[in-house]
Amino acid sequence: MSRKLVLLMTLTLLIGILGVAVQVHKVEATATIYIRADGTVEGTDKIQRDDDVYTLTDNINDSVVVERDDIVVDGAGYTLQGPGALVYGSKGIDLTGRSNVTIKNMEIEAFEFGIFLWESSNNSISGNTLTNNGGGIYLWQSSKNTLSSNVMNDNKHNFGVAGGELHHYLHNVDISNLVDGNPVYYWLNQHGAEIPSDAGYVALVNSTEITVKDLTLSNNREGLLLVITQNSHIANNTLTNNGYGIVLCQSSSNSISGNNITTNNWHGISLTNSPSNNIFGNSITANNLHGIHLEFSSNYNSISGNNIKNNDYGVFSWASSSYNSISGNNIKNNFIGIFLTEPSNNSIYHNNFIYNLGHVNIRLGYNISYANWDDGYPSGGNYWSDYNGTDTNGDGIGDTPYVILSVNRDNYPLMAPYIPPAQMRVLYYDLLGKFNQLLSRHNLLNQTCQGLLGNITNLQDQNDSLNSTCSILQTSIDNLQDQNDSLNSTLQIWVDKLQGQIDFLNSTLTSGQEAITNELSTIRNLMYLFTATTVILIATTFYFAKRKSR
């Protein structure tokens, strides 16, 4: 790698370090403890030395700077308490230029950086708990360090790795390390695999054909890190509240699609010396600096169909990043839509530049063409929300160029926002699907109506039949009424006749009763006479009989 590239990358790393302190109070830590190169301890009596083992004997409210190699610093479960995560420059453990140092069994809280390694190698960081720091564990331009069983919770950025060369990323970091309760997957030399779904941090180093999908990666320096990694697929992930959403270093031919990359502290997607990647269909919104950042010969990338909104800069290209295709993107409500620092031969067309404070910012070389701003006629250029031209022939392309700066101009500005063919196909098939649904519902409704009409006809026939039956019944009722009237008349005649006969019988019965009564009276009188005669006869007989006996 050239000296210029290394210098520029180093400058970027320094900017990144300073970025942690954005909006912080620039106040130095209250005190610093040193483990000097000669082995002595300065600034506290709470670290006990036993040869090359330094053990905390109590909680400490200071930073510890290690200046000696080949030692062990054992926290013994005690806490290293800082002045606050917003205190600029404060570090819990500072390993700068160190090797073969072990940091273990320590609670580290409230520093700008909990454990900070700079140009340090072959160190061991294990069994530590880091909470409420600006950065938990940071490895900067360091190599061959081993991390195990560290717990990083509730730090602004739990974990981060950065450097300018491959060996700066060659660390042994296993899944026993946790960020906000989820394992760190730091893969070296892996091929043809998929990152598990419980990942909290992902790094792919010198790997190929890795799939990273459907993850939520938050609160790290970089949500997803690719270093010298090719042909991998990054899809449908959510990357929020990191320093960087996705970082590519010297990585090529990767696809990044369908991701939600939002509210990251610096860039949404950052490419450093990373060519021929395909970045499409992502939502890249509300990142504090750049939506997409291209630097150090990140050439021949395709950036298409992305929603790039509400960032400081939508797309930022500098340091000789050329021959990129930037097309079909919605670049909206950014401070600057696209920023170019030098001639690039990038092709920029079919984008929608809408309500950016400045659609394009070009630096250096007023009369130099920085990009190809259109795809010729009739394909057209870009849509610019502040374009005031006319379209007299109605071909959808403005009659006059959109002038960006001097010779930088879109010769065929679009009169309406561009809809990419893929999106058009999606809209077409979506509308076709909805039309088919409506047609199916129409056919079903038509069948229902036909069924209802058939039912109505049947009901009408039944109603007519019922009316006919009712008419017949009414006639029958009328006939029955006539018959009833005739029967009533006949019954009345018979009643009258019967009444006459009853009256006659009653009269006859009365006459008979009188005759019978008279006869009975005569018989009674005769019986009385007979009875009396009999009694007299018996009495006479009895009298004469008694006299004779005498």
Protein backbone atom coordinates (compact mmCIF):
# COMPACT_ATOMS: atom_id res chain seq x y z
CA MET A 1 0.00 0.00 0.00
CA SER A 2 1.38 3.45 -0.89
CA ARG A 3 2.63 5.88 1.74
CA LYS A 4 -0.06 8.32 0.63
CA LEU A 5 -2.77 5.75 1.24
CA VAL A 6 -1.40 4.81 4.66
CA LEU A 7 -1.16 8.51 5.58
CA LEU A 8 -4.73 9.17 4.49
CA MET A 9 -6.06 6.11 6.32
CA THR A 10 -4.19 7.11 9.45
CA LEU A 11 -5.74 10.57 9.18
CA THR A 12 -9.17 8.95 8.88
CA LEU A 13 -8.55 6.85 12.00
CA LEU A 14 -7.54 9.93 13.94
CA ILE A 15 -10.72 11.67 12.83
CA GLY A 16 -12.63 8.58 13.97
CA ILE A 17 -11.02 8.73 17.40
CA LEU A 18 -11.93 12.37 17.72
CA GLY A 19 -15.44 11.54 16.53
CA VAL A 20 -16.15 9.62 19.73
CA ALA A 21 -15.80 12.90 21.52
CA VAL A 22 -18.37 14.79 19.40
CA GLN A 23 -20.39 17.03 21.71
CA VAL A 24 -18.31 16.07 24.78
CA HIS A 25 -16.78 18.33 27.40
CA LYS A 26 -13.09 18.72 26.75
CA VAL A 27 -11.97 18.23 30.37
CA GLU A 28 -9.05 16.02 31.25
CA ALA A 29 -9.48 13.09 33.66
CA THR A 30 -8.90 14.01 37.28
CA ALA A 31 -5.81 11.76 37.78
CA THR A 32 -3.76 9.09 36.07
CA ILE A 33 -2.04 6.02 37.44
CA TYR A 34 1.10 4.73 35.71
CA ILE A 35 2.71 1.33 35.60
CA ARG A 36 6.10 2.56 34.47
CA ALA A 37 8.50 0.77 32.15
CA ASP A 38 10.76 -0.01 35.13
CA GLY A 39 7.85 -1.75 36.89
CA THR A 40 7.05 0.88 39.48
CA VAL A 41 3.48 2.05 40.16
CA GLU A 42 2.79 5.75 40.41
CA GLY A 43 -0.41 7.51 41.55
CA THR A 44 -2.00 4.90 43.85
CA ASP A 45 -1.36 2.46 46.66
CA LYS A 46 -4.31 0.27 45.56
CA ILE A 47 -2.28 -1.82 43.09
CA GLN A 48 -0.14 -4.55 44.64
CA ARG A 49 2.87 -5.78 42.67
CA ASP A 50 4.10 -9.35 42.83
CA ASP A 51 6.93 -9.57 40.31
CA ASP A 52 5.13 -9.06 36.94
CA VAL A 53 1.60 -9.42 38.33
CA TYR A 54 -0.20 -6.22 39.34
CA THR A 55 -3.38 -6.77 41.35
CA LEU A 56 -5.98 -4.22 42.39
CA THR A 57 -6.71 -4.27 46.11
CA ASP A 58 -9.63 -1.82 46.03
CA ASN A 59 -11.76 0.23 43.69
CA ILE A 60 -9.86 2.97 41.88
CA ASN A 61 -11.21 6.28 40.55
CA ASP A 62 -8.42 6.94 38.05
CA SER A 63 -7.12 5.91 34.64
CA VAL A 64 -4.30 3.37 34.35
CA VAL A 65 -1.60 3.83 31.73
CA VAL A 66 0.58 0.76 31.17
CA GLU A 67 4.13 1.50 30.00
CA ARG A 68 5.62 -1.96 30.67
CA ASP A 69 5.39 -5.09 28.51
CA ASP A 70 5.06 -8.72 29.63
CA ILE A 71 2.91 -8.12 32.70
CA VAL A 72 -0.49 -9.09 34.10
CA VAL A 73 -2.93 -6.51 35.45
CA ASP A 74 -5.55 -8.34 37.51
CA GLY A 75 -8.57 -6.34 38.59
CA ALA A 76 -9.55 -9.05 41.09
CA GLY A 77 -13.18 -8.00 40.58
CA TYR A 78 -12.61 -4.39 41.61
CA THR A 79 -13.89 -1.37 39.70
CA LEU A 80 -11.93 1.18 37.73
CA GLN A 81 -14.22 4.21 37.88
CA GLY A 82 -13.85 7.08 35.45
CA PRO A 83 -14.90 10.74 35.53
CA GLY A 84 -17.68 10.21 32.94
CA ALA A 85 -18.02 8.98 29.39
CA LEU A 86 -18.15 12.56 28.12
CA VAL A 87 -14.77 13.53 29.58
CA TYR A 88 -12.50 13.96 26.60
CA GLY A 89 -9.39 11.75 26.48
CA SER A 90 -10.21 9.64 29.53
CA LYS A 91 -9.23 5.97 29.23
CA GLY A 92 -9.75 3.21 31.78
CA ILE A 93 -6.80 1.10 30.59
CA ASP A 94 -4.40 2.67 28.10
CA LEU A 95 -2.16 0.25 26.18
CA THR A 96 -0.14 2.26 23.69
CA GLY A 97 2.71 0.46 21.97
CA ARG A 98 2.46 -2.48 24.36
CA SER A 99 2.86 -6.25 23.89
CA ASN A 100 2.23 -9.35 26.00
CA VAL A 101 0.12 -7.52 28.57
CA THR A 102 -2.86 -9.27 30.19
CA ILE A 103 -5.80 -7.21 31.45
CA LYS A 104 -8.33 -9.34 33.34
CA ASN A 105 -11.13 -9.51 35.92
CA MET A 106 -11.87 -5.81 36.02
CA GLU A 107 -15.00 -3.65 36.14
CA ILE A 108 -14.45 -0.50 34.05
CA GLU A 109 -17.00 2.31 34.04
CA ALA A 110 -17.49 5.89 32.84
CA PHE A 111 -14.48 6.61 30.63
CA GLU A 112 -14.38 7.92 27.08
CA PHE A 113 -12.66 4.59 26.28
CA GLY A 114 -12.83 1.64 28.65
CA ILE A 115 -9.86 -0.35 27.29
CA PHE A 116 -7.87 1.34 24.53
CA LEU A 117 -5.13 -0.34 22.50
CA TRP A 118 -3.03 1.68 20.07
CA GLU A 119 -0.28 -0.02 18.04
CA SER A 120 -0.23 -2.87 20.55
CA SER A 121 0.12 -6.57 19.82
CA ASN A 122 -0.09 -10.01 21.44
CA ASN A 123 -2.06 -8.76 24.43
CA SER A 124 -4.79 -10.64 26.28
CA ILE A 125 -8.01 -8.96 27.40
CA SER A 126 -10.27 -11.34 29.35
CA GLY A 127 -13.05 -11.49 31.90
CA ASN A 128 -13.66 -7.76 32.07
CA THR A 129 -16.98 -5.94 32.32
CA LEU A 130 -17.25 -2.53 30.67
CA THR A 131 -20.32 -0.36 31.15
CA ASN A 132 -21.37 3.25 30.53
CA ASN A 133 -18.23 4.20 28.62
CA GLY A 134 -18.05 6.12 25.36
CA GLY A 135 -16.21 3.17 23.81
CA GLY A 136 -15.95 -0.22 25.48
CA ILE A 137 -12.92 -2.01 23.99
CA TYR A 138 -11.15 -0.36 21.04
CA LEU A 139 -8.31 -1.92 19.02
CA TRP A 140 -6.57 0.71 16.88
CA GLN A 141 -3.79 -0.22 14.48
CA SER A 142 -2.99 -3.17 16.70
CA SER A 143 -2.56 -6.85 15.90
CA LYS A 144 -2.72 -10.40 17.25
CA ASN A 145 -4.57 -9.54 20.42
CA THR A 146 -6.81 -12.08 22.16
CA LEU A 147 -10.17 -11.20 23.67
CA SER A 148 -12.29 -13.61 25.69
CA SER A 149 -15.22 -13.51 28.12
CA ASN A 150 -15.51 -9.75 28.12
CA VAL A 151 -18.93 -8.23 28.74
CA MET A 152 -19.62 -4.85 27.12
CA ASN A 153 -23.00 -3.36 28.03
CA ASP A 154 -24.59 0.07 27.71
CA ASN A 155 -21.53 1.74 26.24
CA LYS A 156 -22.15 4.28 23.47
CA HIS A 157 -20.05 2.05 21.21
CA ASN A 158 -19.27 -1.29 22.83
CA PHE A 159 -16.55 -2.61 20.53
CA GLY A 160 -14.46 -1.39 17.62
CA VAL A 161 -11.48 -2.31 15.45
CA ALA A 162 -9.63 -0.11 12.97
CA GLY A 163 -6.38 -0.01 11.04
CA GLY A 164 -4.69 0.60 7.72
CA GLU A 165 -3.21 -2.85 7.04
CA LEU A 166 -4.51 -6.43 7.10
CA HIS A 167 -2.48 -7.32 10.21
CA HIS A 168 -4.34 -4.62 12.14
CA TYR A 169 -7.41 -6.85 11.94
CA LEU A 170 -5.79 -10.19 12.79
CA HIS A 171 -7.14 -10.69 16.29
CA ASN A 172 -8.49 -13.71 18.16
CA VAL A 173 -11.92 -12.62 19.37
CA ASP A 174 -14.28 -15.48 20.22
CA ILE A 175 -18.02 -15.58 20.87
CA SER A 176 -17.55 -15.56 24.65
CA ASN A 177 -17.29 -11.79 24.23
CA LEU A 178 -20.71 -10.16 24.52
CA VAL A 179 -22.06 -6.79 23.46
CA ASP A 180 -25.38 -5.90 25.06
CA GLY A 181 -25.92 -9.59 25.74
CA ASN A 182 -25.18 -10.86 22.20
CA PRO A 183 -22.00 -12.59 21.01
CA VAL A 184 -19.26 -11.04 18.92
CA TYR A 185 -18.66 -12.91 15.66
CA TYR A 186 -15.14 -11.98 14.59
CA TRP A 187 -14.43 -14.30 11.67
CA LEU A 188 -11.00 -14.78 10.09
CA ASN A 189 -10.45 -16.81 6.91
CA GLN A 190 -14.01 -18.12 6.70
CA HIS A 191 -15.71 -19.19 3.48
CA GLY A 192 -19.22 -20.09 2.39
CA ALA A 193 -20.97 -19.64 5.76
CA GLU A 194 -23.72 -17.57 7.34
CA ILE A 195 -23.47 -15.44 10.46
CA PRO A 196 -25.80 -16.78 13.22
CA SER A 197 -28.92 -14.80 14.00
CA ASP A 198 -27.92 -13.86 17.57
CA ALA A 199 -24.93 -11.72 16.54
CA GLY A 200 -24.31 -8.43 18.33
CA TYR A 201 -21.18 -7.48 16.37
CA VAL A 202 -19.88 -8.86 13.07
CA ALA A 203 -16.43 -8.65 11.48
CA LEU A 204 -15.39 -10.57 8.35
CA VAL A 205 -11.65 -10.59 7.74
CA ASN A 206 -10.04 -12.24 4.71
CA SER A 207 -13.22 -14.18 4.02
CA THR A 208 -15.39 -15.01 1.00
CA GLU A 209 -19.01 -15.87 0.26
CA ILE A 210 -20.30 -15.03 3.73
CA THR A 211 -24.00 -14.25 4.23
CA VAL A 212 -25.06 -11.67 6.78
CA LYS A 213 -28.83 -11.23 6.85
CA ASP A 214 -31.77 -10.30 9.07
CA LEU A 215 -29.62 -9.03 11.94
CA THR A 216 -29.92 -6.00 14.19
CA LEU A 217 -26.46 -4.55 14.88
CA SER A 218 -26.29 -1.52 17.13
CA ASN A 219 -24.07 0.42 19.52
CA ASN A 220 -20.62 -0.52 18.20
CA ARG A 221 -17.93 1.49 16.46
CA GLU A 222 -18.90 -0.34 13.27
CA GLY A 223 -22.05 -2.41 13.06
CA LEU A 224 -20.56 -4.60 10.34
CA LEU A 225 -16.89 -4.72 9.31
CA LEU A 226 -15.54 -6.27 6.09
CA VAL A 227 -11.77 -6.40 5.57
CA ILE A 228 -10.31 -8.04 2.45
CA THR A 229 -13.59 -9.89 2.02
CA GLN A 230 -15.16 -10.74 -1.33
CA ASN A 231 -18.38 -12.09 -2.84
CA SER A 232 -20.36 -11.80 0.38
CA HIS A 233 -24.02 -10.88 0.75
CA ILE A 234 -25.24 -8.32 3.26
CA ALA A 235 -29.03 -8.19 3.18
CA ASN A 236 -32.03 -7.03 5.21
CA ASN A 237 -30.11 -5.99 8.30
CA THR A 238 -30.82 -3.09 10.63
CA LEU A 239 -27.75 -1.07 11.58
CA THR A 240 -28.42 1.81 13.95
CA ASN A 241 -26.61 3.94 16.51
CA ASN A 242 -23.15 2.72 15.58
CA GLY A 243 -20.17 4.86 14.71
CA TYR A 244 -20.37 3.46 11.16
CA GLY A 245 -23.19 1.29 9.90
CA ILE A 246 -21.13 -0.83 7.45
CA VAL A 247 -17.39 -0.50 6.85
CA LEU A 248 -15.59 -2.04 3.86
CA CYS A 249 -11.78 -1.98 3.77
CA GLN A 250 -10.03 -3.43 0.72
CA SER A 251 -13.15 -5.52 0.05
CA SER A 252 -14.70 -6.10 -3.36
CA SER A 253 -17.54 -7.76 -5.27
CA ASN A 254 -19.88 -7.76 -2.31
CA SER A 255 -23.61 -7.03 -2.46
CA ILE A 256 -25.25 -4.79 0.12
CA SER A 257 -29.01 -4.68 -0.28
CA GLY A 258 -32.25 -4.09 1.57
CA ASN A 259 -30.60 -2.84 4.76
CA ASN A 260 -31.92 -0.17 7.10
CA ILE A 261 -28.92 1.98 7.97
CA THR A 262 -29.92 4.87 10.16
CA THR A 263 -28.84 7.27 12.92
CA ASN A 264 -25.20 6.21 12.94
CA ASN A 265 -22.73 8.66 14.41
CA TRP A 266 -20.53 9.04 11.33
CA HIS A 267 -21.23 7.27 8.03
CA GLY A 268 -23.97 4.89 6.98
CA ILE A 269 -21.74 2.90 4.57
CA SER A 270 -18.01 3.60 4.34
CA LEU A 271 -15.80 2.19 1.55
CA THR A 272 -12.02 2.45 1.77
CA ASN A 273 -10.01 1.12 -1.16
CA SER A 274 -12.98 -1.15 -1.93
CA PRO A 275 -13.94 -1.55 -5.62
CA SER A 276 -16.71 -3.31 -7.56
CA ASN A 277 -19.31 -3.59 -4.83
CA ASN A 278 -23.04 -3.45 -5.49
CA ILE A 279 -24.97 -1.23 -3.08
CA PHE A 280 -28.68 -1.23 -3.91
CA GLY A 281 -32.11 -0.93 -2.38
CA ASN A 282 -30.97 0.28 1.05
CA SER A 283 -32.55 2.88 3.30
CA ILE A 284 -29.70 5.15 4.40
CA THR A 285 -31.14 7.88 6.58
CA ALA A 286 -30.29 10.35 9.33
CA ASN A 287 -26.60 9.48 9.67
CA ASN A 288 -24.63 12.32 11.22
CA LEU A 289 -21.99 12.67 8.50
CA HIS A 290 -22.21 10.77 5.21
CA GLY A 291 -24.87 8.42 3.93
CA ILE A 292 -22.34 6.69 1.62
CA HIS A 293 -18.64 7.50 1.90
CA LEU A 294 -16.13 6.58 -0.84
CA GLU A 295 -12.38 7.06 -0.41
CA PHE A 296 -8.94 5.83 -1.46
CA SER A 297 -9.66 4.38 -4.89
CA SER A 298 -13.02 2.84 -4.15
CA ASN A 299 -13.72 2.46 -7.87
CA TYR A 300 -16.26 0.77 -10.12
CA ASN A 301 -18.92 0.47 -7.45
CA SER A 302 -22.61 0.46 -8.33
CA ILE A 303 -24.84 2.56 -6.08
CA SER A 304 -28.45 2.29 -7.18
CA GLY A 305 -32.02 2.35 -5.96
CA ASN A 306 -31.18 3.57 -2.47
CA ASN A 307 -33.15 6.02 -0.35
CA ILE A 308 -30.49 8.43 0.91
CA LYS A 309 -32.23 10.95 3.13
CA ASN A 310 -31.64 13.35 6.00
CA ASN A 311 -27.87 12.84 6.22
CA ASP A 312 -25.30 15.61 6.44
CA TYR A 313 -23.93 14.52 3.02
CA GLY A 314 -25.86 12.00 0.95
CA VAL A 315 -22.89 10.65 -1.06
CA PHE A 316 -19.35 11.78 -0.31
CA SER A 317 -16.55 10.87 -2.73
CA TRP A 318 -12.93 11.82 -2.34
CA ALA A 319 -9.35 10.55 -2.55
CA SER A 320 -9.47 9.25 -6.11
CA SER A 321 -12.67 7.21 -6.08
CA SER A 322 -13.61 6.96 -9.74
CA TYR A 323 -15.73 5.17 -12.33
CA ASN A 324 -18.57 4.58 -9.91
CA SER A 325 -22.14 4.39 -11.15
CA ILE A 326 -24.56 6.36 -8.98
CA SER A 327 -28.04 5.95 -10.45
CA GLY A 328 -31.68 5.57 -9.56
CA ASN A 329 -31.28 6.85 -6.00
CA ASN A 330 -33.61 9.12 -4.05
CA ILE A 331 -31.26 11.73 -2.58
CA LYS A 332 -33.50 13.86 -0.44
CA ASN A 333 -33.40 16.35 2.44
CA ASN A 334 -29.63 16.11 2.96
CA PHE A 335 -27.46 19.10 3.73
CA ILE A 336 -25.50 18.29 0.55
CA GLY A 337 -26.79 15.67 -1.91
CA ILE A 338 -23.42 14.69 -3.48
CA PHE A 339 -19.96 15.96 -2.59
CA LEU A 340 -17.06 15.54 -5.05
CA THR A 341 -13.50 16.63 -4.31
CA GLU A 342 -11.80 15.91 -7.62
CA PRO A 343 -12.51 14.73 -11.18
CA SER A 344 -13.84 11.22 -10.90
CA ASN A 345 -15.39 9.97 -14.14
CA ASN A 346 -18.29 8.81 -12.00
CA SER A 347 -21.60 8.39 -13.82
CA ILE A 348 -24.41 10.16 -11.98
CA TYR A 349 -27.82 9.89 -13.60
CA HIS A 350 -31.45 8.92 -13.03
CA ASN A 351 -31.23 10.14 -9.43
CA ASN A 352 -33.87 12.25 -7.75
CA PHE A 353 -32.31 15.28 -6.04
CA ILE A 354 -35.13 16.58 -3.86
CA TYR A 355 -35.04 19.40 -1.31
CA ASN A 356 -31.36 19.11 -0.41
CA LEU A 357 -29.95 22.36 0.92
CA GLY A 358 -27.35 21.95 -1.83
CA HIS A 359 -27.79 19.22 -4.42
CA VAL A 360 -24.09 19.08 -5.41
CA ASN A 361 -20.89 20.45 -3.87
CA ILE A 362 -17.73 20.44 -5.99
CA ARG A 363 -14.30 21.35 -4.68
CA LEU A 364 -11.20 22.33 -6.64
CA GLY A 365 -11.00 23.08 -10.36
CA TYR A 366 -13.89 25.34 -11.37
CA ASN A 367 -13.63 24.50 -15.08
CA ILE A 368 -13.08 20.76 -14.71
CA SER A 369 -15.78 18.20 -15.33
CA TYR A 370 -16.18 16.08 -12.22
CA ALA A 371 -18.67 13.50 -13.46
CA ASN A 372 -21.00 12.39 -16.21
CA TRP A 373 -24.30 13.93 -15.11
CA ASP A 374 -26.63 12.29 -17.62
CA ASP A 375 -27.11 9.11 -19.65
CA GLY A 376 -27.67 10.90 -22.94
CA TYR A 377 -30.89 11.30 -24.89
CA PRO A 378 -33.52 9.92 -24.60
CA SER A 379 -32.46 8.10 -21.39
CA GLY A 380 -31.98 11.41 -19.63
CA GLY A 381 -30.16 12.73 -16.61
CA ASN A 382 -31.38 13.42 -13.09
CA TYR A 383 -34.45 14.99 -11.54
CA TRP A 384 -33.66 18.25 -9.74
CA SER A 385 -36.36 19.68 -7.49
CA ASP A 386 -35.18 23.26 -8.18
CA TYR A 387 -35.07 22.92 -11.99
CA ASN A 388 -37.27 25.59 -13.59
CA GLY A 389 -36.93 24.62 -17.24
CA THR A 390 -39.69 23.74 -19.69
CA ASP A 391 -40.53 20.68 -21.78
CA THR A 392 -42.09 21.96 -24.99
CA ASN A 393 -42.18 18.61 -26.82
CA GLY A 394 -43.47 16.63 -23.83
CA ASP A 395 -40.70 14.00 -23.88
CA GLY A 396 -40.15 14.26 -20.12
CA ILE A 397 -36.74 15.94 -20.55
CA GLY A 398 -36.08 19.61 -19.96
CA ASP A 399 -35.30 21.80 -22.95
CA THR A 400 -32.30 23.43 -21.23
CA PRO A 401 -29.45 21.90 -19.18
CA TYR A 402 -29.36 21.98 -15.41
CA VAL A 403 -26.13 23.83 -14.60
CA ILE A 404 -24.36 22.57 -11.50
CA LEU A 405 -21.13 24.51 -11.74
CA SER A 406 -19.51 25.80 -14.90
CA VAL A 407 -18.90 22.80 -17.20
CA ASN A 408 -20.57 20.43 -14.76
CA ARG A 409 -24.11 20.24 -16.09
CA ASP A 410 -26.93 17.79 -16.62
CA ASN A 411 -27.76 18.19 -20.30
CA TYR A 412 -31.00 16.19 -20.12
CA PRO A 413 -32.67 16.96 -16.77
CA LEU A 414 -35.80 14.98 -16.03
CA MET A 415 -39.09 16.82 -15.58
CA ALA A 416 -40.49 14.32 -13.07
CA PRO A 417 -38.89 12.05 -10.45
CA TYR A 418 -37.30 8.97 -11.93
CA ILE A 419 -38.75 5.54 -11.16
CA PRO A 420 -36.18 2.76 -11.72
CA PRO A 421 -37.24 -0.12 -14.01
CA ALA A 422 -36.99 -2.60 -11.14
CA GLN A 423 -39.24 -0.40 -9.03
CA MET A 424 -41.48 0.13 -12.05
CA ARG A 425 -41.71 -3.63 -12.46
CA VAL A 426 -42.52 -3.96 -8.78
CA LEU A 427 -45.18 -1.27 -9.11
CA TYR A 428 -46.48 -2.91 -12.29
CA TYR A 429 -46.73 -6.34 -10.72
CA ASP A 430 -48.15 -4.83 -7.56
CA LEU A 431 -50.81 -3.00 -9.58
CA LEU A 432 -51.36 -6.11 -11.70
CA GLY A 433 -51.84 -8.17 -8.56
CA LYS A 434 -54.28 -5.62 -7.17
CA PHE A 435 -56.11 -5.52 -10.53
CA ASN A 436 -56.35 -9.31 -10.56
CA GLN A 437 -57.69 -9.21 -7.03
CA LEU A 438 -60.28 -6.63 -8.05
CA LEU A 439 -61.14 -8.65 -11.15
CA SER A 440 -61.53 -11.79 -9.05
CA ARG A 441 -63.74 -9.89 -6.63
CA HIS A 442 -65.72 -8.47 -9.57
CA ASN A 443 -66.24 -11.95 -11.00
CA LEU A 444 -67.27 -13.25 -7.60
CA LEU A 445 -69.62 -10.31 -7.16
CA ASN A 446 -71.02 -10.90 -10.65
CA GLN A 447 -71.59 -14.56 -9.80
CA THR A 448 -73.26 -13.52 -6.57
CA CYS A 449 -75.47 -11.03 -8.45
CA GLN A 450 -76.41 -13.69 -10.99
CA GLY A 451 -77.26 -16.04 -8.15
CA LEU A 452 -79.32 -13.32 -6.48
CA LEU A 453 -81.12 -12.59 -9.76
CA GLY A 454 -81.89 -16.31 -10.10
CA ASN A 455 -83.15 -16.35 -6.55
CA ILE A 456 -85.26 -13.27 -7.21
CA THR A 457 -86.78 -14.96 -10.30
CA ASN A 458 -87.52 -18.07 -8.27
CA LEU A 459 -89.01 -15.96 -5.53
CA GLN A 460 -91.13 -14.09 -8.11
CA ASP A 461 -92.41 -17.41 -9.49
CA GLN A 462 -93.10 -18.61 -5.98
CA ASN A 463 -94.85 -15.31 -5.25
CA ASP A 464 -97.00 -15.66 -8.39
CA SER A 465 -97.83 -19.25 -7.44
CA LEU A 466 -98.64 -18.10 -3.93
CA ASN A 467 -100.83 -15.32 -5.29
CA SER A 468 -102.65 -17.85 -7.48
CA THR A 469 -103.09 -20.16 -4.50
CA CYS A 470 -104.30 -17.24 -2.43
CA SER A 471 -106.81 -16.36 -5.18
CA ILE A 472 -108.09 -19.94 -5.22
CA LEU A 473 -108.26 -19.94 -1.44
CA GLN A 474 -110.16 -16.65 -1.55
CA THR A 475 -112.64 -18.16 -4.01
CA SER A 476 -112.96 -21.19 -1.78
CA ILE A 477 -113.48 -18.91 1.19
CA ASP A 478 -116.17 -17.00 -0.72
CA ASN A 479 -117.85 -20.30 -1.66
CA LEU A 480 -117.61 -21.47 1.92
CA GLN A 481 -119.07 -18.16 3.05
CA ASP A 482 -122.01 -18.61 0.64
CA GLN A 483 -122.44 -22.20 1.80
CA ASN A 484 -122.23 -21.00 5.39
CA ASP A 485 -124.87 -18.37 4.74
CA SER A 486 -127.15 -21.00 3.08
CA LEU A 487 -126.47 -23.42 5.94
CA ASN A 488 -127.26 -20.72 8.44
CA SER A 489 -130.57 -19.99 6.62
CA THR A 490 -131.42 -23.71 6.54
CA LEU A 491 -130.47 -24.12 10.16
CA GLN A 492 -132.66 -21.18 11.07
CA ILE A 493 -135.63 -22.75 9.32
CA TRP A 494 -135.03 -26.04 11.16
CA VAL A 495 -134.56 -24.19 14.39
CA ASP A 496 -137.86 -22.41 13.87
CA LYS A 497 -139.58 -25.73 13.07
CA LEU A 498 -138.00 -27.44 16.04
CA GLN A 499 -139.00 -24.54 18.24
CA GLY A 500 -142.63 -24.96 17.07
CA GLN A 501 -142.50 -28.65 17.75
CA ILE A 502 -140.91 -28.01 21.14
CA ASP A 503 -143.65 -25.50 21.94
CA PHE A 504 -146.30 -28.03 20.81
CA LEU A 505 -144.66 -30.76 22.86
CA ASN A 506 -144.41 -28.44 25.83
CA SER A 507 -148.16 -27.65 25.45
CA THR A 508 -149.02 -31.33 25.04
CA LEU A 509 -146.83 -32.21 27.99
CA THR A 510 -148.55 -29.61 30.11
CA SER A 511 -152.01 -30.95 29.17
CA GLY A 512 -150.81 -34.50 29.82
CA GLN A 513 -149.36 -33.49 33.17
CA GLU A 514 -152.70 -31.96 34.18
CA ALA A 515 -154.58 -35.11 33.11
CA ILE A 516 -152.11 -37.33 34.94
CA THR A 517 -152.38 -35.12 38.01
CA ASN A 518 -156.16 -35.45 37.95
CA GLU A 519 -155.96 -39.23 37.46
CA LEU A 520 -153.45 -39.53 40.27
CA SER A 521 -155.74 -37.52 42.56
CA THR A 522 -158.65 -39.84 41.74
CA ILE A 523 -156.49 -42.92 42.35
CA ARG A 524 -155.31 -41.48 45.65
CA ASN A 525 -158.84 -40.88 46.74
CA LEU A 526 -159.79 -44.45 45.78
CA MET A 527 -156.82 -45.78 47.72
CA TYR A 528 -157.87 -43.79 50.74
CA LEU A 529 -161.38 -45.25 50.42
CA PHE A 530 -160.06 -48.78 49.93
CA THR A 531 -157.76 -48.44 52.89
CA ALA A 532 -160.50 -47.15 55.10
CA THR A 533 -162.93 -49.91 54.00
CA THR A 534 -160.28 -52.56 54.61
CA VAL A 535 -159.56 -51.26 58.09
CA ILE A 536 -163.25 -51.20 58.94
CA LEU A 537 -163.67 -54.75 57.58
CA ILE A 538 -160.73 -56.07 59.61
CA ALA A 539 -161.93 -54.34 62.72
CA THR A 540 -165.45 -55.74 62.32
CA THR A 541 -164.13 -59.25 61.71
CA PHE A 542 -161.91 -59.04 64.76
CA TYR A 543 -164.83 -57.79 66.89
CA PHE A 544 -167.22 -60.58 65.96
CA ALA A 545 -164.55 -63.21 66.35
CA LYS A 546 -163.77 -62.11 69.87
CA ARG A 547 -167.47 -62.13 70.85
CA LYS A 548 -167.96 -65.64 69.52
CA SER A 549 -165.12 -66.95 71.61
CA ARG A 550 -166.75 -65.78 74.71
